[in-house]
Amino acid sequence: MRALLLLVPAGLLAAPAAAQPRAAEPPRRDIVLPPEIADGRMVDQMGDMVGALTRAFMNLPVGEVEAAIENRPVTRADRMKTVRSESGMSERELQGEIERSKVAMKQGGQAMVRALPVITDALNRAGDEIARAIANMPSPNYPRR
């Protein structure tokens, strides 16, 4: 009888902790990529945009900057220098580089689209492992004896 009187208060103390609801796990959502990214249209558009920016950059004047760095007065020849004239790259070479970079961008985008489900799954599993580890940690509010 005395043992029962001791167990009832102990049971009442543990009841609030046992009665707390478990945190519901958030539903898993699969990542859905927009079709423009999945089929490469956006990457093609970005490649065209990068090509246009590259052509514009090639016409950027650099002679005055060079003169300022060298701490000398700007000459007429300095005012005529551009990235294109200093690089010595022809329009055909530039176009070839742009096309190669477009291909590399498209391949990189496709590789990322293929890898994204694997990355997402790995991150979800890591989140589950972290949640389990946190659930097994002792509560700092739990009284020590």
C-alpha atoms as a PDB file:
ATOM      1  CA  MET A   1       0.000   0.000   0.000  1.00  0.00           C
ATOM      2  CA  ARG A   2       2.818   2.399   0.863  1.00  0.00           C
ATOM      3  CA  ALA A   3       4.506   1.569  -2.419  1.00  0.00           C
ATOM      4  CA  LEU A   4       1.301   2.461  -4.264  1.00  0.00           C
ATOM      5  CA  LEU A   5       1.126   5.814  -2.459  1.00  0.00           C
ATOM      6  CA  LEU A   6       4.668   6.550  -3.632  1.00  0.00           C
ATOM      7  CA  LEU A   7       4.020   5.503  -7.240  1.00  0.00           C
ATOM      8  CA  VAL A   8       0.864   7.632  -7.738  1.00  0.00           C
ATOM      9  CA  PRO A   9       2.635  11.007  -7.243  1.00  0.00           C
ATOM     10  CA  ALA A  10       5.524   9.825  -9.442  1.00  0.00           C
ATOM     11  CA  GLY A  11       3.024   8.834 -12.131  1.00  0.00           C
ATOM     12  CA  LEU A  12       1.346  12.218 -11.940  1.00  0.00           C
ATOM     13  CA  LEU A  13       4.690  13.972 -12.389  1.00  0.00           C
ATOM     14  CA  ALA A  14       5.477  11.976 -15.523  1.00  0.00           C
ATOM     15  CA  ALA A  15       1.984  12.382 -17.026  1.00  0.00           C
ATOM     16  CA  PRO A  16       2.473  15.916 -18.454  1.00  0.00           C
ATOM     17  CA  ALA A  17       5.627  14.863 -20.295  1.00  0.00           C
ATOM     18  CA  ALA A  18       3.985  11.747 -21.702  1.00  0.00           C
ATOM     19  CA  ALA A  19       0.818  13.612 -22.669  1.00  0.00           C
ATOM     20  CA  GLN A  20       2.612  16.168 -24.827  1.00  0.00           C
ATOM     21  CA  PRO A  21       1.841  15.627 -28.501  1.00  0.00           C
ATOM     22  CA  ARG A  22       4.679  14.690 -30.785  1.00  0.00           C
ATOM     23  CA  ALA A  23       5.588  17.309 -33.299  1.00  0.00           C
ATOM     24  CA  ALA A  24       4.059  16.374 -36.616  1.00  0.00           C
ATOM     25  CA  GLU A  25       6.593  15.911 -39.353  1.00  0.00           C
ATOM     26  CA  PRO A  26       6.138  18.373 -42.166  1.00  0.00           C
ATOM     27  CA  PRO A  27       4.933  16.774 -45.368  1.00  0.00           C
ATOM     28  CA  ARG A  28       7.652  16.136 -47.910  1.00  0.00           C
ATOM     29  CA  ARG A  29       7.403  18.191 -51.030  1.00  0.00           C
ATOM     30  CA  ASP A  30       9.151  17.198 -54.186  1.00  0.00           C
ATOM     31  CA  ILE A  31      10.921  20.002 -55.943  1.00  0.00           C
ATOM     32  CA  VAL A  32       9.278  20.802 -59.235  1.00  0.00           C
ATOM     33  CA  LEU A  33      11.497  22.683 -61.611  1.00  0.00           C
ATOM     34  CA  PRO A  34       9.978  25.122 -64.067  1.00  0.00           C
ATOM     35  CA  PRO A  35       9.944  23.624 -67.560  1.00  0.00           C
ATOM     36  CA  GLU A  36      12.194  26.413 -68.876  1.00  0.00           C
ATOM     37  CA  ILE A  37      14.991  25.249 -66.612  1.00  0.00           C
ATOM     38  CA  ALA A  38      14.372  21.540 -67.098  1.00  0.00           C
ATOM     39  CA  ASP A  39      14.453  21.704 -70.903  1.00  0.00           C
ATOM     40  CA  GLY A  40      17.225  24.284 -71.211  1.00  0.00           C
ATOM     41  CA  ARG A  41      15.347  27.217 -72.776  1.00  0.00           C
ATOM     42  CA  MET A  42      16.342  29.538 -69.958  1.00  0.00           C
ATOM     43  CA  VAL A  43      19.965  28.446 -70.224  1.00  0.00           C
ATOM     44  CA  ASP A  44      19.918  29.200 -73.973  1.00  0.00           C
ATOM     45  CA  GLN A  45      18.466  32.636 -73.285  1.00  0.00           C
ATOM     46  CA  MET A  46      21.116  33.294 -70.645  1.00  0.00           C
ATOM     47  CA  GLY A  47      23.817  32.208 -73.090  1.00  0.00           C
ATOM     48  CA  ASP A  48      22.556  34.727 -75.642  1.00  0.00           C
ATOM     49  CA  MET A  49      22.503  37.414 -72.968  1.00  0.00           C
ATOM     50  CA  VAL A  50      26.068  36.597 -71.874  1.00  0.00           C
ATOM     51  CA  GLY A  51      27.164  36.768 -75.515  1.00  0.00           C
ATOM     52  CA  ALA A  52      25.656  40.238 -75.909  1.00  0.00           C
ATOM     53  CA  LEU A  53      27.294  41.402 -72.679  1.00  0.00           C
ATOM     54  CA  THR A  54      30.638  39.999 -73.795  1.00  0.00           C
ATOM     55  CA  ARG A  55      30.456  41.874 -77.099  1.00  0.00           C
ATOM     56  CA  ALA A  56      29.619  45.083 -75.244  1.00  0.00           C
ATOM     57  CA  PHE A  57      32.474  44.503 -72.803  1.00  0.00           C
ATOM     58  CA  MET A  58      34.924  44.103 -75.683  1.00  0.00           C
ATOM     59  CA  ASN A  59      34.230  47.732 -76.701  1.00  0.00           C
ATOM     60  CA  LEU A  60      34.944  49.078 -73.218  1.00  0.00           C
ATOM     61  CA  PRO A  61      37.670  51.756 -73.279  1.00  0.00           C
ATOM     62  CA  VAL A  62      40.653  50.867 -71.095  1.00  0.00           C
ATOM     63  CA  GLY A  63      43.445  53.182 -72.196  1.00  0.00           C
ATOM     64  CA  GLU A  64      42.646  55.956 -69.737  1.00  0.00           C
ATOM     65  CA  VAL A  65      42.535  53.472 -66.872  1.00  0.00           C
ATOM     66  CA  GLU A  66      45.899  52.076 -67.969  1.00  0.00           C
ATOM     67  CA  ALA A  67      47.378  55.608 -68.031  1.00  0.00           C
ATOM     68  CA  ALA A  68      45.992  56.321 -64.551  1.00  0.00           C
ATOM     69  CA  ILE A  69      47.471  53.091 -63.181  1.00  0.00           C
ATOM     70  CA  GLU A  70      50.830  53.955 -64.720  1.00  0.00           C
ATOM     71  CA  ASN A  71      50.516  57.503 -63.298  1.00  0.00           C
ATOM     72  CA  ARG A  72      51.084  59.234 -66.613  1.00  0.00           C
ATOM     73  CA  PRO A  73      49.083  61.661 -68.736  1.00  0.00           C
ATOM     74  CA  VAL A  74      46.462  60.252 -71.109  1.00  0.00           C
ATOM     75  CA  THR A  75      47.453  60.247 -74.769  1.00  0.00           C
ATOM     76  CA  ARG A  76      45.357  60.083 -77.934  1.00  0.00           C
ATOM     77  CA  ALA A  77      46.449  56.444 -78.355  1.00  0.00           C
ATOM     78  CA  ASP A  78      45.216  55.691 -74.828  1.00  0.00           C
ATOM     79  CA  ARG A  79      41.783  57.031 -75.693  1.00  0.00           C
ATOM     80  CA  MET A  80      41.595  54.593 -78.630  1.00  0.00           C
ATOM     81  CA  LYS A  81      42.400  51.450 -76.593  1.00  0.00           C
ATOM     82  CA  THR A  82      39.569  49.029 -75.869  1.00  0.00           C
ATOM     83  CA  VAL A  83      39.410  45.544 -74.389  1.00  0.00           C
ATOM     84  CA  ARG A  84      39.083  44.207 -77.971  1.00  0.00           C
ATOM     85  CA  SER A  85      42.187  46.049 -79.233  1.00  0.00           C
ATOM     86  CA  GLU A  86      44.251  45.009 -76.208  1.00  0.00           C
ATOM     87  CA  SER A  87      43.150  41.364 -76.254  1.00  0.00           C
ATOM     88  CA  GLY A  88      43.797  40.982 -79.972  1.00  0.00           C
ATOM     89  CA  MET A  89      40.779  38.670 -80.227  1.00  0.00           C
ATOM     90  CA  SER A  90      38.993  38.614 -83.566  1.00  0.00           C
ATOM     91  CA  GLU A  91      35.197  38.585 -83.865  1.00  0.00           C
ATOM     92  CA  ARG A  92      35.333  34.961 -85.050  1.00  0.00           C
ATOM     93  CA  GLU A  93      37.440  33.907 -82.030  1.00  0.00           C
ATOM     94  CA  LEU A  94      35.086  35.783 -79.717  1.00  0.00           C
ATOM     95  CA  GLN A  95      32.039  34.113 -81.266  1.00  0.00           C
ATOM     96  CA  GLY A  96      33.701  30.697 -80.871  1.00  0.00           C
ATOM     97  CA  GLU A  97      34.386  31.367 -77.190  1.00  0.00           C
ATOM     98  CA  ILE A  98      30.791  32.496 -76.663  1.00  0.00           C
ATOM     99  CA  GLU A  99      29.433  29.347 -78.326  1.00  0.00           C
ATOM    100  CA  ARG A 100      31.705  27.119 -76.232  1.00  0.00           C
ATOM    101  CA  SER A 101      30.585  28.856 -73.054  1.00  0.00           C
ATOM    102  CA  LYS A 102      26.926  28.409 -74.067  1.00  0.00           C
ATOM    103  CA  VAL A 103      27.485  24.670 -74.466  1.00  0.00           C
ATOM    104  CA  ALA A 104      29.246  24.482 -71.108  1.00  0.00           C
ATOM    105  CA  MET A 105      26.432  26.449 -69.420  1.00  0.00           C
ATOM    106  CA  LYS A 106      23.797  24.151 -70.919  1.00  0.00           C
ATOM    107  CA  GLN A 107      25.665  21.008 -69.839  1.00  0.00           C
ATOM    108  CA  GLY A 108      26.140  22.405 -66.343  1.00  0.00           C
ATOM    109  CA  GLY A 109      22.459  23.266 -66.074  1.00  0.00           C
ATOM    110  CA  GLN A 110      21.434  19.798 -67.217  1.00  0.00           C
ATOM    111  CA  ALA A 111      23.814  18.201 -64.717  1.00  0.00           C
ATOM    112  CA  MET A 112      22.304  20.294 -61.945  1.00  0.00           C
ATOM    113  CA  VAL A 113      18.769  19.315 -62.969  1.00  0.00           C
ATOM    114  CA  ARG A 114      19.804  15.638 -62.858  1.00  0.00           C
ATOM    115  CA  ALA A 115      21.527  16.015 -59.474  1.00  0.00           C
ATOM    116  CA  LEU A 116      18.817  18.053 -57.744  1.00  0.00           C
ATOM    117  CA  PRO A 117      16.576  15.103 -56.739  1.00  0.00           C
ATOM    118  CA  VAL A 118      19.559  13.293 -55.213  1.00  0.00           C
ATOM    119  CA  ILE A 119      20.653  16.430 -53.347  1.00  0.00           C
ATOM    120  CA  THR A 120      17.100  17.047 -52.109  1.00  0.00           C
ATOM    121  CA  ASP A 121      16.769  13.467 -50.874  1.00  0.00           C
ATOM    122  CA  ALA A 122      20.118  13.644 -49.070  1.00  0.00           C
ATOM    123  CA  LEU A 123      19.161  16.916 -47.372  1.00  0.00           C
ATOM    124  CA  ASN A 124      15.789  15.481 -46.317  1.00  0.00           C
ATOM    125  CA  ARG A 125      17.484  12.412 -44.824  1.00  0.00           C
ATOM    126  CA  ALA A 126      20.012  14.625 -43.027  1.00  0.00           C
ATOM    127  CA  GLY A 127      17.133  16.693 -41.628  1.00  0.00           C
ATOM    128  CA  ASP A 128      15.448  13.520 -40.384  1.00  0.00           C
ATOM    129  CA  GLU A 129      18.663  12.379 -38.686  1.00  0.00           C
ATOM    130  CA  ILE A 130      19.081  15.769 -37.025  1.00  0.00           C
ATOM    131  CA  ALA A 131      15.458  15.711 -35.844  1.00  0.00           C
ATOM    132  CA  ARG A 132      15.989  12.231 -34.340  1.00  0.00           C
ATOM    133  CA  ALA A 133      19.178  13.372 -32.613  1.00  0.00           C
ATOM    134  CA  ILE A 134      17.442  16.431 -31.180  1.00  0.00           C
ATOM    135  CA  ALA A 135      14.508  14.300 -29.984  1.00  0.00           C
ATOM    136  CA  ASN A 136      16.943  12.066 -28.075  1.00  0.00           C
ATOM    137  CA  MET A 137      18.667  14.961 -26.317  1.00  0.00           C
ATOM    138  CA  PRO A 138      17.797  15.414 -22.655  1.00  0.00           C
ATOM    139  CA  SER A 139      15.660  18.424 -21.825  1.00  0.00           C
ATOM    140  CA  PRO A 140      17.539  21.214 -20.051  1.00  0.00           C
ATOM    141  CA  ASN A 141      14.385  21.782 -17.959  1.00  0.00           C
ATOM    142  CA  TYR A 142      14.331  18.202 -16.696  1.00  0.00           C
ATOM    143  CA  PRO A 143      15.224  18.186 -13.000  1.00  0.00           C
ATOM    144  CA  ARG A 144      18.509  16.557 -12.088  1.00  0.00           C
ATOM    145  CA  ARG A 145      18.746  14.311  -9.090  1.00  0.00           C
END
